[in-house]
């Protein structure tokens, strides 16, 4: 029951070498009444860009309509009031997201319990639907038979790749899509 998961905090650990990590630091405690981020923060995607932290997240986990919220800050202990992002061109109820800034465009991958969809934005607040990238296979034995949770889009030296986690009802696996453009990806593994 998700109603009992309401002690939500945004945490950070830092490292200069990727091996030794700092102690856990609380950046935002959403149990504080009137917190500018709201009272729920699911699947945060954070980009540090030009001295500013930019964060997108799903604003709820209940069965109703969820939204993608945006906040930013130069001090990660003091976030701006969350704004709801506009999603144009496709009706979704987002569950897990990731945002990348590639080639001067914010590109968001959204899993809404139906498919992984690709979205683009110039300002990071108003996103346009590009296309559906992948749906669960529904083929028994497929590693992505049932669910496609969190994903991540990156640009490589030969094109683009989306890494995603998937579930076949017994175990969770990682897979990836690859192609020469973000809207022309095919499943590789």
N, C-alpha and C. Protein backbone atom coordinates (compact mmCIF):
# COMPACT_ATOMS: atom_id res chain seq x y z
N UNK A 1 0.84 -1.18 0.00
CA UNK A 1 0.00 0.00 0.00
C UNK A 1 0.89 1.24 0.00
N UNK A 2 0.86 2.03 -1.07
CA UNK A 2 1.73 3.18 -1.22
C UNK A 2 1.40 4.32 -0.27
N UNK A 3 0.20 4.33 0.30
CA UNK A 3 -0.17 5.41 1.21
C UNK A 3 0.72 5.44 2.45
N UNK A 4 1.39 4.34 2.77
CA UNK A 4 2.25 4.28 3.94
C UNK A 4 3.70 4.65 3.62
N UNK A 5 3.98 5.01 2.40
CA UNK A 5 5.33 5.39 1.98
C UNK A 5 5.41 6.90 1.83
N UNK A 6 5.15 7.61 2.88
CA UNK A 6 5.10 9.07 2.79
C UNK A 6 6.27 9.77 3.47
N UNK A 7 7.26 9.05 3.98
CA UNK A 7 8.45 9.71 4.49
C UNK A 7 9.46 9.74 3.34
N UNK A 8 9.38 10.79 2.55
CA UNK A 8 10.16 10.87 1.32
C UNK A 8 11.26 11.92 1.48
N UNK A 9 12.48 11.53 1.14
CA UNK A 9 13.63 12.43 1.18
C UNK A 9 14.42 12.30 -0.11
N UNK A 10 15.03 13.39 -0.52
CA UNK A 10 15.99 13.38 -1.63
C UNK A 10 17.37 13.34 -0.99
N UNK A 11 18.13 12.29 -1.29
CA UNK A 11 19.44 12.07 -0.67
C UNK A 11 20.55 12.21 -1.70
N UNK A 12 21.77 12.50 -1.21
CA UNK A 12 22.93 12.59 -2.09
C UNK A 12 24.15 12.04 -1.38
N UNK A 13 24.99 11.35 -2.18
CA UNK A 13 26.33 10.98 -1.77
C UNK A 13 27.25 11.49 -2.87
N UNK A 14 28.44 11.94 -2.52
CA UNK A 14 29.38 12.46 -3.52
C UNK A 14 30.69 11.68 -3.46
N UNK A 15 31.39 11.73 -4.58
CA UNK A 15 32.67 11.04 -4.69
C UNK A 15 33.54 11.78 -5.69
N UNK A 16 34.83 11.78 -5.45
CA UNK A 16 35.76 12.36 -6.42
C UNK A 16 36.42 11.28 -7.28
N UNK A 17 36.28 10.01 -6.87
CA UNK A 17 36.92 8.93 -7.62
C UNK A 17 35.97 7.78 -7.99
N UNK A 18 34.73 7.83 -7.55
CA UNK A 18 33.77 6.78 -7.86
C UNK A 18 33.94 5.53 -7.01
N UNK A 19 34.88 5.54 -6.09
CA UNK A 19 35.14 4.40 -5.21
C UNK A 19 34.81 4.76 -3.76
N UNK A 20 35.29 5.89 -3.32
CA UNK A 20 35.07 6.34 -1.95
C UNK A 20 33.96 7.40 -1.96
N UNK A 21 32.93 7.16 -1.14
CA UNK A 21 31.75 8.01 -1.17
C UNK A 21 31.54 8.70 0.17
N UNK A 22 30.98 9.88 0.12
CA UNK A 22 30.66 10.64 1.34
C UNK A 22 29.52 9.97 2.09
N UNK A 23 29.28 10.44 3.30
CA UNK A 23 28.10 10.00 4.04
C UNK A 23 26.86 10.52 3.33
N UNK A 24 25.75 9.91 3.63
CA UNK A 24 24.47 10.31 3.05
C UNK A 24 24.10 11.71 3.54
N UNK A 25 23.64 12.53 2.61
CA UNK A 25 23.24 13.90 2.90
C UNK A 25 21.78 14.09 2.47
N UNK A 26 20.96 14.65 3.34
CA UNK A 26 19.56 14.93 3.00
C UNK A 26 19.50 16.28 2.29
N UNK A 27 19.05 16.27 1.03
CA UNK A 27 18.88 17.50 0.26
C UNK A 27 17.48 18.07 0.40
N UNK A 28 16.50 17.21 0.57
CA UNK A 28 15.12 17.67 0.73
C UNK A 28 14.35 16.64 1.53
N UNK A 29 13.67 17.10 2.56
CA UNK A 29 12.82 16.24 3.38
C UNK A 29 11.38 16.65 3.11
N UNK A 30 10.68 15.84 2.30
CA UNK A 30 9.35 16.21 1.86
C UNK A 30 8.27 16.01 2.93
N UNK A 31 8.66 15.53 4.11
CA UNK A 31 7.68 15.44 5.19
C UNK A 31 7.44 16.81 5.82
N UNK A 32 8.30 17.78 5.50
CA UNK A 32 8.10 19.14 6.00
C UNK A 32 6.86 19.73 5.33
N UNK A 33 5.94 20.22 6.12
CA UNK A 33 4.71 20.80 5.58
C UNK A 33 5.03 21.96 4.63
N UNK A 34 4.39 21.95 3.46
CA UNK A 34 4.56 23.03 2.49
C UNK A 34 5.89 23.02 1.76
N UNK A 35 6.56 21.87 1.70
CA UNK A 35 7.84 21.80 1.00
C UNK A 35 7.64 22.19 -0.46
N UNK A 36 8.54 22.98 -1.06
CA UNK A 36 8.34 23.43 -2.44
C UNK A 36 8.32 22.31 -3.48
N UNK A 37 8.82 21.12 -3.14
CA UNK A 37 8.78 19.99 -4.07
C UNK A 37 7.49 19.18 -3.94
N UNK A 38 6.65 19.50 -2.96
CA UNK A 38 5.43 18.74 -2.74
C UNK A 38 5.65 17.69 -1.66
N UNK A 39 4.85 16.60 -1.70
CA UNK A 39 5.00 15.58 -0.67
C UNK A 39 5.40 14.22 -1.22
N UNK A 40 5.66 14.13 -2.54
CA UNK A 40 6.09 12.87 -3.13
C UNK A 40 7.05 13.17 -4.28
N UNK A 41 8.08 12.33 -4.39
CA UNK A 41 9.11 12.52 -5.41
C UNK A 41 9.50 11.13 -5.91
N UNK A 42 9.06 10.77 -7.11
CA UNK A 42 9.31 9.44 -7.66
C UNK A 42 10.19 9.56 -8.89
N UNK A 43 11.17 8.69 -9.01
CA UNK A 43 12.02 8.58 -10.19
C UNK A 43 12.68 9.89 -10.60
N UNK A 44 13.40 10.56 -9.67
CA UNK A 44 13.98 11.85 -10.03
C UNK A 44 15.08 11.72 -11.09
N UNK A 45 15.09 12.68 -12.00
CA UNK A 45 16.15 12.81 -13.02
C UNK A 45 16.78 14.17 -12.78
N UNK A 46 18.08 14.20 -12.50
CA UNK A 46 18.75 15.44 -12.15
C UNK A 46 19.90 15.68 -13.13
N UNK A 47 19.95 16.90 -13.64
CA UNK A 47 21.04 17.34 -14.51
C UNK A 47 21.68 18.55 -13.85
N UNK A 48 23.02 18.54 -13.71
CA UNK A 48 23.75 19.72 -13.23
C UNK A 48 24.26 20.44 -14.46
N UNK A 49 23.76 21.65 -14.68
CA UNK A 49 24.00 22.36 -15.93
C UNK A 49 24.22 23.85 -15.65
N UNK A 50 25.38 24.37 -16.04
CA UNK A 50 25.70 25.79 -15.87
C UNK A 50 25.53 26.25 -14.42
N UNK A 51 26.02 25.44 -13.48
CA UNK A 51 25.96 25.80 -12.07
C UNK A 51 24.60 25.61 -11.42
N UNK A 52 23.66 24.99 -12.13
CA UNK A 52 22.31 24.82 -11.60
C UNK A 52 21.91 23.35 -11.65
N UNK A 53 21.26 22.90 -10.56
CA UNK A 53 20.65 21.58 -10.53
C UNK A 53 19.25 21.71 -11.12
N UNK A 54 18.94 20.88 -12.11
CA UNK A 54 17.61 20.83 -12.71
C UNK A 54 17.06 19.44 -12.44
N UNK A 55 15.84 19.37 -11.89
CA UNK A 55 15.29 18.07 -11.52
C UNK A 55 13.86 17.92 -12.05
N UNK A 56 13.61 16.75 -12.63
CA UNK A 56 12.28 16.34 -13.07
C UNK A 56 11.92 15.10 -12.26
N UNK A 57 10.66 14.94 -11.92
CA UNK A 57 10.24 13.77 -11.15
C UNK A 57 8.74 13.57 -11.31
N UNK A 58 8.29 12.36 -11.01
CA UNK A 58 6.87 12.05 -10.99
C UNK A 58 6.37 12.46 -9.61
N UNK A 59 5.26 13.18 -9.57
CA UNK A 59 4.83 13.82 -8.34
C UNK A 59 3.94 12.99 -7.42
N UNK A 60 3.66 11.74 -7.77
CA UNK A 60 2.81 10.93 -6.91
C UNK A 60 2.99 9.46 -7.27
N UNK A 61 2.51 8.56 -6.41
CA UNK A 61 2.56 7.13 -6.71
C UNK A 61 1.20 6.47 -6.58
N UNK A 62 0.18 7.27 -6.33
CA UNK A 62 -1.16 6.71 -6.15
C UNK A 62 -1.77 6.32 -7.50
N UNK A 63 -2.96 5.78 -7.44
CA UNK A 63 -3.61 5.28 -8.65
C UNK A 63 -4.20 6.37 -9.54
N UNK A 64 -4.28 7.61 -9.07
CA UNK A 64 -4.83 8.70 -9.86
C UNK A 64 -3.86 9.18 -10.93
N UNK A 65 -4.17 10.30 -11.52
CA UNK A 65 -3.31 10.88 -12.56
C UNK A 65 -2.04 11.44 -11.92
N UNK A 66 -0.91 11.00 -12.43
CA UNK A 66 0.38 11.49 -11.99
C UNK A 66 0.87 12.54 -13.00
N UNK A 67 1.78 13.39 -12.56
CA UNK A 67 2.33 14.44 -13.41
C UNK A 67 3.85 14.42 -13.31
N UNK A 68 4.49 15.08 -14.24
CA UNK A 68 5.93 15.27 -14.17
C UNK A 68 6.17 16.69 -13.68
N UNK A 69 6.89 16.79 -12.58
CA UNK A 69 7.18 18.09 -11.97
C UNK A 69 8.62 18.48 -12.28
N UNK A 70 8.88 19.79 -12.24
CA UNK A 70 10.21 20.33 -12.51
C UNK A 70 10.54 21.34 -11.42
N UNK A 71 11.79 21.31 -10.95
CA UNK A 71 12.30 22.29 -10.00
C UNK A 71 13.79 22.48 -10.29
N UNK A 72 14.32 23.62 -9.85
CA UNK A 72 15.75 23.87 -10.07
C UNK A 72 16.32 24.63 -8.88
N UNK A 73 17.64 24.68 -8.80
CA UNK A 73 18.30 25.38 -7.71
C UNK A 73 19.80 25.48 -7.97
N UNK A 74 20.44 26.47 -7.38
CA UNK A 74 21.90 26.51 -7.34
C UNK A 74 22.39 25.91 -6.03
N UNK A 75 21.50 25.86 -5.03
CA UNK A 75 21.80 25.25 -3.73
C UNK A 75 20.86 24.06 -3.54
N UNK A 76 21.36 22.83 -3.64
CA UNK A 76 20.47 21.66 -3.61
C UNK A 76 19.73 21.43 -2.29
N UNK A 77 19.90 22.31 -1.33
CA UNK A 77 19.12 22.25 -0.08
C UNK A 77 17.93 23.20 -0.13
N UNK A 78 17.81 23.98 -1.22
CA UNK A 78 16.79 25.03 -1.31
C UNK A 78 16.20 25.06 -2.72
N UNK A 79 15.22 24.20 -2.99
CA UNK A 79 14.63 24.04 -4.32
C UNK A 79 13.53 25.07 -4.57
N UNK A 80 13.34 25.43 -5.85
CA UNK A 80 12.24 26.31 -6.22
C UNK A 80 10.92 25.54 -6.14
N UNK A 81 9.84 26.27 -6.09
CA UNK A 81 8.50 25.67 -6.09
C UNK A 81 8.35 24.81 -7.35
N UNK A 82 7.89 23.59 -7.19
CA UNK A 82 7.74 22.67 -8.32
C UNK A 82 6.71 23.20 -9.32
N UNK A 83 7.02 23.03 -10.60
CA UNK A 83 6.10 23.36 -11.69
C UNK A 83 5.71 22.06 -12.38
N UNK A 84 4.48 21.98 -12.86
CA UNK A 84 4.05 20.81 -13.62
C UNK A 84 4.47 21.00 -15.07
N UNK A 85 5.17 20.01 -15.62
CA UNK A 85 5.58 20.06 -17.03
C UNK A 85 4.38 19.81 -17.93
N UNK A 86 4.40 20.43 -19.08
CA UNK A 86 3.38 20.19 -20.10
C UNK A 86 3.84 19.05 -20.99
N UNK A 87 2.96 18.09 -21.23
CA UNK A 87 3.25 16.97 -22.12
C UNK A 87 2.23 17.03 -23.25
N UNK A 88 2.71 17.34 -24.44
CA UNK A 88 1.83 17.58 -25.59
C UNK A 88 1.92 16.46 -26.61
N UNK A 89 0.78 16.00 -27.10
CA UNK A 89 0.75 15.08 -28.22
C UNK A 89 0.46 13.63 -27.90
N UNK A 90 0.39 13.27 -26.63
CA UNK A 90 0.15 11.88 -26.26
C UNK A 90 -0.33 11.86 -24.82
N UNK A 91 -1.36 11.13 -24.52
CA UNK A 91 -1.93 11.09 -23.19
C UNK A 91 -1.28 9.97 -22.39
N UNK A 92 -0.61 10.31 -21.29
CA UNK A 92 0.07 9.31 -20.46
C UNK A 92 -0.18 9.59 -18.99
N UNK A 93 0.12 8.56 -18.18
CA UNK A 93 0.12 8.67 -16.73
C UNK A 93 1.51 8.18 -16.29
N UNK A 94 2.50 9.08 -16.22
CA UNK A 94 3.90 8.67 -16.06
C UNK A 94 4.18 7.90 -14.78
N UNK A 95 5.13 6.98 -14.87
CA UNK A 95 5.52 6.18 -13.72
C UNK A 95 7.02 6.33 -13.45
N UNK A 96 7.87 6.02 -14.41
CA UNK A 96 9.32 6.20 -14.26
C UNK A 96 9.83 7.01 -15.44
N UNK A 97 10.73 7.95 -15.16
CA UNK A 97 11.24 8.85 -16.19
C UNK A 97 12.75 8.98 -16.10
N UNK A 98 13.33 9.51 -17.17
CA UNK A 98 14.69 10.01 -17.14
C UNK A 98 14.78 11.13 -18.14
N UNK A 99 15.63 12.11 -17.86
CA UNK A 99 15.82 13.26 -18.75
C UNK A 99 17.31 13.39 -19.04
N UNK A 100 17.63 13.61 -20.31
CA UNK A 100 19.00 13.87 -20.75
C UNK A 100 19.02 15.17 -21.53
N UNK A 101 20.15 15.86 -21.51
CA UNK A 101 20.32 17.05 -22.35
C UNK A 101 21.34 16.69 -23.41
N UNK A 102 20.86 16.47 -24.64
CA UNK A 102 21.72 16.00 -25.72
C UNK A 102 21.46 16.85 -26.95
N UNK A 103 22.53 17.34 -27.57
CA UNK A 103 22.43 18.14 -28.80
C UNK A 103 21.55 19.37 -28.61
N UNK A 104 21.59 20.00 -27.41
CA UNK A 104 20.82 21.20 -27.15
C UNK A 104 19.34 20.98 -26.91
N UNK A 105 18.94 19.72 -26.71
CA UNK A 105 17.53 19.38 -26.52
C UNK A 105 17.39 18.52 -25.26
N UNK A 106 16.37 18.83 -24.44
CA UNK A 106 16.03 17.96 -23.32
C UNK A 106 15.22 16.81 -23.90
N UNK A 107 15.70 15.60 -23.67
CA UNK A 107 15.02 14.40 -24.16
C UNK A 107 14.61 13.57 -22.95
N UNK A 108 13.33 13.28 -22.90
CA UNK A 108 12.80 12.54 -21.76
C UNK A 108 12.25 11.20 -22.24
N UNK A 109 12.57 10.15 -21.49
CA UNK A 109 12.01 8.83 -21.71
C UNK A 109 11.03 8.59 -20.57
N UNK A 110 9.80 8.20 -20.89
CA UNK A 110 8.77 7.98 -19.89
C UNK A 110 8.24 6.56 -20.02
N UNK A 111 8.18 5.85 -18.90
CA UNK A 111 7.43 4.59 -18.85
C UNK A 111 6.15 4.89 -18.11
N UNK A 112 5.02 4.58 -18.73
CA UNK A 112 3.72 4.86 -18.12
C UNK A 112 2.93 3.58 -17.88
N UNK A 113 3.64 2.48 -17.71
CA UNK A 113 3.05 1.14 -17.51
C UNK A 113 2.45 0.59 -18.79
N UNK A 114 2.62 1.33 -19.90
CA UNK A 114 2.17 0.84 -21.21
C UNK A 114 3.37 0.72 -22.14
N UNK A 115 4.16 1.78 -22.26
CA UNK A 115 5.32 1.75 -23.15
C UNK A 115 6.38 2.73 -22.68
N UNK A 116 7.56 2.63 -23.31
CA UNK A 116 8.59 3.65 -23.15
C UNK A 116 8.37 4.64 -24.28
N UNK A 117 8.17 5.91 -23.94
CA UNK A 117 7.95 6.91 -24.97
C UNK A 117 9.03 7.98 -24.90
N UNK A 118 9.34 8.56 -26.06
CA UNK A 118 10.37 9.59 -26.19
C UNK A 118 9.69 10.95 -26.34
N UNK A 119 10.20 11.94 -25.60
CA UNK A 119 9.69 13.30 -25.60
C UNK A 119 10.85 14.27 -25.77
N UNK A 120 10.61 15.44 -26.36
CA UNK A 120 11.66 16.44 -26.54
C UNK A 120 11.17 17.81 -26.11
N UNK A 121 12.13 18.64 -25.63
CA UNK A 121 11.81 19.99 -25.18
C UNK A 121 13.02 20.89 -25.36
N UNK A 122 12.78 22.13 -25.73
CA UNK A 122 13.85 23.13 -25.80
C UNK A 122 14.06 23.80 -24.44
N UNK A 123 12.98 23.94 -23.65
CA UNK A 123 13.08 24.66 -22.38
C UNK A 123 13.07 23.76 -21.15
N UNK A 124 12.83 22.46 -21.32
CA UNK A 124 12.81 21.53 -20.19
C UNK A 124 11.52 21.54 -19.40
N UNK A 125 10.52 22.30 -19.87
CA UNK A 125 9.25 22.38 -19.14
C UNK A 125 8.06 21.99 -20.01
N UNK A 126 8.14 22.22 -21.29
CA UNK A 126 7.07 21.86 -22.23
C UNK A 126 7.64 20.83 -23.20
N UNK A 127 7.13 19.60 -23.10
CA UNK A 127 7.66 18.48 -23.88
C UNK A 127 6.68 18.07 -24.97
N UNK A 128 7.23 17.75 -26.12
CA UNK A 128 6.45 17.25 -27.25
C UNK A 128 6.71 15.76 -27.41
N UNK A 129 5.64 15.02 -27.62
CA UNK A 129 5.74 13.58 -27.85
C UNK A 129 6.43 13.33 -29.19
N UNK A 130 7.41 12.43 -29.21
CA UNK A 130 8.10 12.05 -30.44
C UNK A 130 7.58 10.72 -30.94
N UNK A 131 7.67 9.68 -30.07
CA UNK A 131 7.17 8.36 -30.47
C UNK A 131 7.27 7.37 -29.33
N UNK A 132 6.59 6.26 -29.50
CA UNK A 132 6.72 5.13 -28.60
C UNK A 132 7.96 4.36 -29.03
N UNK A 133 8.84 4.07 -28.07
CA UNK A 133 10.07 3.35 -28.38
C UNK A 133 9.96 1.84 -28.19
N UNK A 134 9.21 1.42 -27.16
CA UNK A 134 9.16 -0.01 -26.86
C UNK A 134 7.98 -0.29 -25.93
N UNK A 135 7.32 -1.41 -26.17
CA UNK A 135 6.27 -1.92 -25.27
C UNK A 135 6.74 -3.26 -24.73
N UNK A 136 6.25 -3.67 -23.57
CA UNK A 136 6.56 -5.03 -23.11
C UNK A 136 6.19 -6.03 -24.21
N UNK A 137 6.98 -7.08 -24.37
CA UNK A 137 6.83 -7.99 -25.52
C UNK A 137 5.58 -8.85 -25.46
N UNK A 138 5.14 -9.20 -24.25
CA UNK A 138 4.01 -10.12 -24.05
C UNK A 138 4.29 -11.52 -24.63
N UNK A 139 5.55 -11.79 -24.95
CA UNK A 139 5.96 -13.12 -25.40
C UNK A 139 6.57 -13.85 -24.21
N UNK A 140 5.95 -14.94 -23.80
CA UNK A 140 6.46 -15.71 -22.66
C UNK A 140 7.89 -16.12 -22.93
N UNK A 141 8.76 -15.88 -21.94
CA UNK A 141 10.17 -16.20 -22.08
C UNK A 141 11.02 -14.99 -22.46
N UNK A 142 10.41 -13.93 -22.93
CA UNK A 142 11.15 -12.72 -23.28
C UNK A 142 11.61 -12.01 -22.01
N UNK A 143 12.82 -11.46 -22.03
CA UNK A 143 13.32 -10.79 -20.84
C UNK A 143 12.55 -9.50 -20.55
N UNK A 144 11.83 -8.97 -21.50
CA UNK A 144 11.00 -7.78 -21.25
C UNK A 144 9.52 -8.11 -21.46
N UNK A 145 9.13 -9.26 -20.96
CA UNK A 145 7.77 -9.77 -21.08
C UNK A 145 6.73 -8.88 -20.40
N UNK A 146 7.05 -8.37 -19.21
CA UNK A 146 6.03 -7.74 -18.41
C UNK A 146 6.20 -6.23 -18.23
N UNK A 147 7.29 -5.78 -17.67
CA UNK A 147 7.46 -4.37 -17.33
C UNK A 147 8.75 -3.82 -17.90
N UNK A 148 8.78 -2.49 -18.06
CA UNK A 148 9.96 -1.78 -18.58
C UNK A 148 10.32 -0.62 -17.69
N UNK A 149 10.67 -0.68 -16.55
CA UNK A 149 10.85 0.44 -15.63
C UNK A 149 11.75 1.57 -16.13
N UNK A 150 12.67 1.97 -15.32
CA UNK A 150 13.51 3.15 -15.56
C UNK A 150 14.40 2.94 -16.77
N UNK A 151 14.57 4.00 -17.55
CA UNK A 151 15.42 3.94 -18.74
C UNK A 151 16.34 5.14 -18.75
N UNK A 152 17.29 5.13 -19.69
CA UNK A 152 18.28 6.21 -19.78
C UNK A 152 18.74 6.33 -21.22
N UNK A 153 18.66 7.52 -21.79
CA UNK A 153 19.12 7.80 -23.15
C UNK A 153 20.50 8.43 -23.09
N UNK A 154 21.43 7.90 -23.89
CA UNK A 154 22.77 8.50 -24.00
C UNK A 154 23.14 8.61 -25.48
N UNK A 155 24.08 9.50 -25.75
CA UNK A 155 24.64 9.61 -27.10
C UNK A 155 26.02 8.98 -27.06
N UNK A 156 26.27 8.09 -28.02
CA UNK A 156 27.57 7.43 -28.12
C UNK A 156 28.31 8.01 -29.32
N UNK A 157 29.50 7.52 -29.58
CA UNK A 157 30.25 8.03 -30.73
C UNK A 157 29.69 7.54 -32.06
N UNK A 158 28.77 6.58 -32.05
CA UNK A 158 28.17 6.08 -33.29
C UNK A 158 26.66 6.28 -33.38
N UNK A 159 26.05 6.88 -32.36
CA UNK A 159 24.60 7.07 -32.39
C UNK A 159 24.04 7.26 -31.00
N UNK A 160 22.88 6.67 -30.78
CA UNK A 160 22.16 6.82 -29.52
C UNK A 160 21.82 5.45 -28.96
N UNK A 161 21.69 5.42 -27.64
CA UNK A 161 21.37 4.17 -26.98
C UNK A 161 20.43 4.47 -25.81
N UNK A 162 19.41 3.62 -25.64
CA UNK A 162 18.54 3.68 -24.47
C UNK A 162 18.73 2.39 -23.69
N UNK A 163 19.19 2.52 -22.45
CA UNK A 163 19.27 1.39 -21.54
C UNK A 163 17.97 1.36 -20.75
N UNK A 164 17.43 0.18 -20.53
CA UNK A 164 16.18 0.06 -19.78
C UNK A 164 16.21 -1.18 -18.91
N UNK A 165 15.48 -1.12 -17.80
CA UNK A 165 15.32 -2.31 -16.99
C UNK A 165 13.99 -2.95 -17.36
N UNK A 166 13.95 -4.27 -17.27
CA UNK A 166 12.77 -5.02 -17.71
C UNK A 166 12.54 -6.20 -16.78
N UNK A 167 11.33 -6.74 -16.85
CA UNK A 167 10.95 -7.83 -15.95
C UNK A 167 10.20 -8.90 -16.74
N UNK A 168 10.53 -10.15 -16.47
CA UNK A 168 9.83 -11.27 -17.12
C UNK A 168 8.94 -12.03 -16.13
N UNK A 169 8.61 -11.44 -15.02
CA UNK A 169 7.84 -11.95 -13.87
C UNK A 169 8.70 -12.77 -12.90
N UNK A 170 9.90 -13.20 -13.30
CA UNK A 170 10.76 -13.97 -12.42
C UNK A 170 12.02 -13.20 -12.02
N UNK A 171 12.54 -12.41 -12.93
CA UNK A 171 13.77 -11.67 -12.64
C UNK A 171 13.77 -10.36 -13.43
N UNK A 172 14.61 -9.45 -12.98
CA UNK A 172 14.78 -8.16 -13.65
C UNK A 172 16.07 -8.20 -14.45
N UNK A 173 16.02 -7.66 -15.65
CA UNK A 173 17.18 -7.64 -16.55
C UNK A 173 17.38 -6.23 -17.09
N UNK A 174 18.52 -6.02 -17.71
CA UNK A 174 18.79 -4.78 -18.42
C UNK A 174 18.84 -5.07 -19.90
N UNK A 175 18.29 -4.16 -20.69
CA UNK A 175 18.34 -4.28 -22.14
C UNK A 175 18.71 -2.95 -22.74
N UNK A 176 18.93 -2.92 -24.06
CA UNK A 176 19.16 -1.63 -24.68
C UNK A 176 18.66 -1.58 -26.11
N UNK A 177 18.29 -0.37 -26.48
CA UNK A 177 17.89 -0.02 -27.84
C UNK A 177 19.03 0.81 -28.41
N UNK A 178 19.23 0.74 -29.73
CA UNK A 178 20.32 1.47 -30.34
C UNK A 178 19.92 1.95 -31.72
N UNK A 179 20.47 3.08 -32.15
CA UNK A 179 20.19 3.59 -33.48
C UNK A 179 20.95 4.87 -33.76
N UNK A 180 20.86 5.35 -35.01
CA UNK A 180 21.60 6.55 -35.37
C UNK A 180 20.88 7.85 -34.98
N UNK A 181 19.59 7.77 -34.64
CA UNK A 181 18.82 8.90 -34.15
C UNK A 181 17.95 8.44 -32.98
N UNK A 182 17.65 9.34 -32.03
CA UNK A 182 16.82 8.92 -30.90
C UNK A 182 15.46 8.36 -31.31
N UNK A 183 14.92 8.82 -32.41
CA UNK A 183 13.61 8.33 -32.86
C UNK A 183 13.72 7.12 -33.78
N UNK A 184 14.94 6.63 -34.00
CA UNK A 184 15.14 5.43 -34.86
C UNK A 184 15.97 4.40 -34.11
N UNK A 185 15.43 3.95 -33.01
CA UNK A 185 16.13 2.95 -32.19
C UNK A 185 15.48 1.59 -32.37
N UNK A 186 16.29 0.54 -32.29
CA UNK A 186 15.79 -0.82 -32.34
C UNK A 186 16.40 -1.61 -31.20
N UNK A 187 15.69 -2.62 -30.75
CA UNK A 187 16.17 -3.43 -29.62
C UNK A 187 17.34 -4.28 -30.06
N UNK A 188 18.40 -4.28 -29.22
CA UNK A 188 19.61 -5.04 -29.53
C UNK A 188 19.74 -6.21 -28.57
N UNK A 189 19.51 -5.95 -27.31
CA UNK A 189 19.73 -6.99 -26.31
C UNK A 189 18.80 -6.79 -25.13
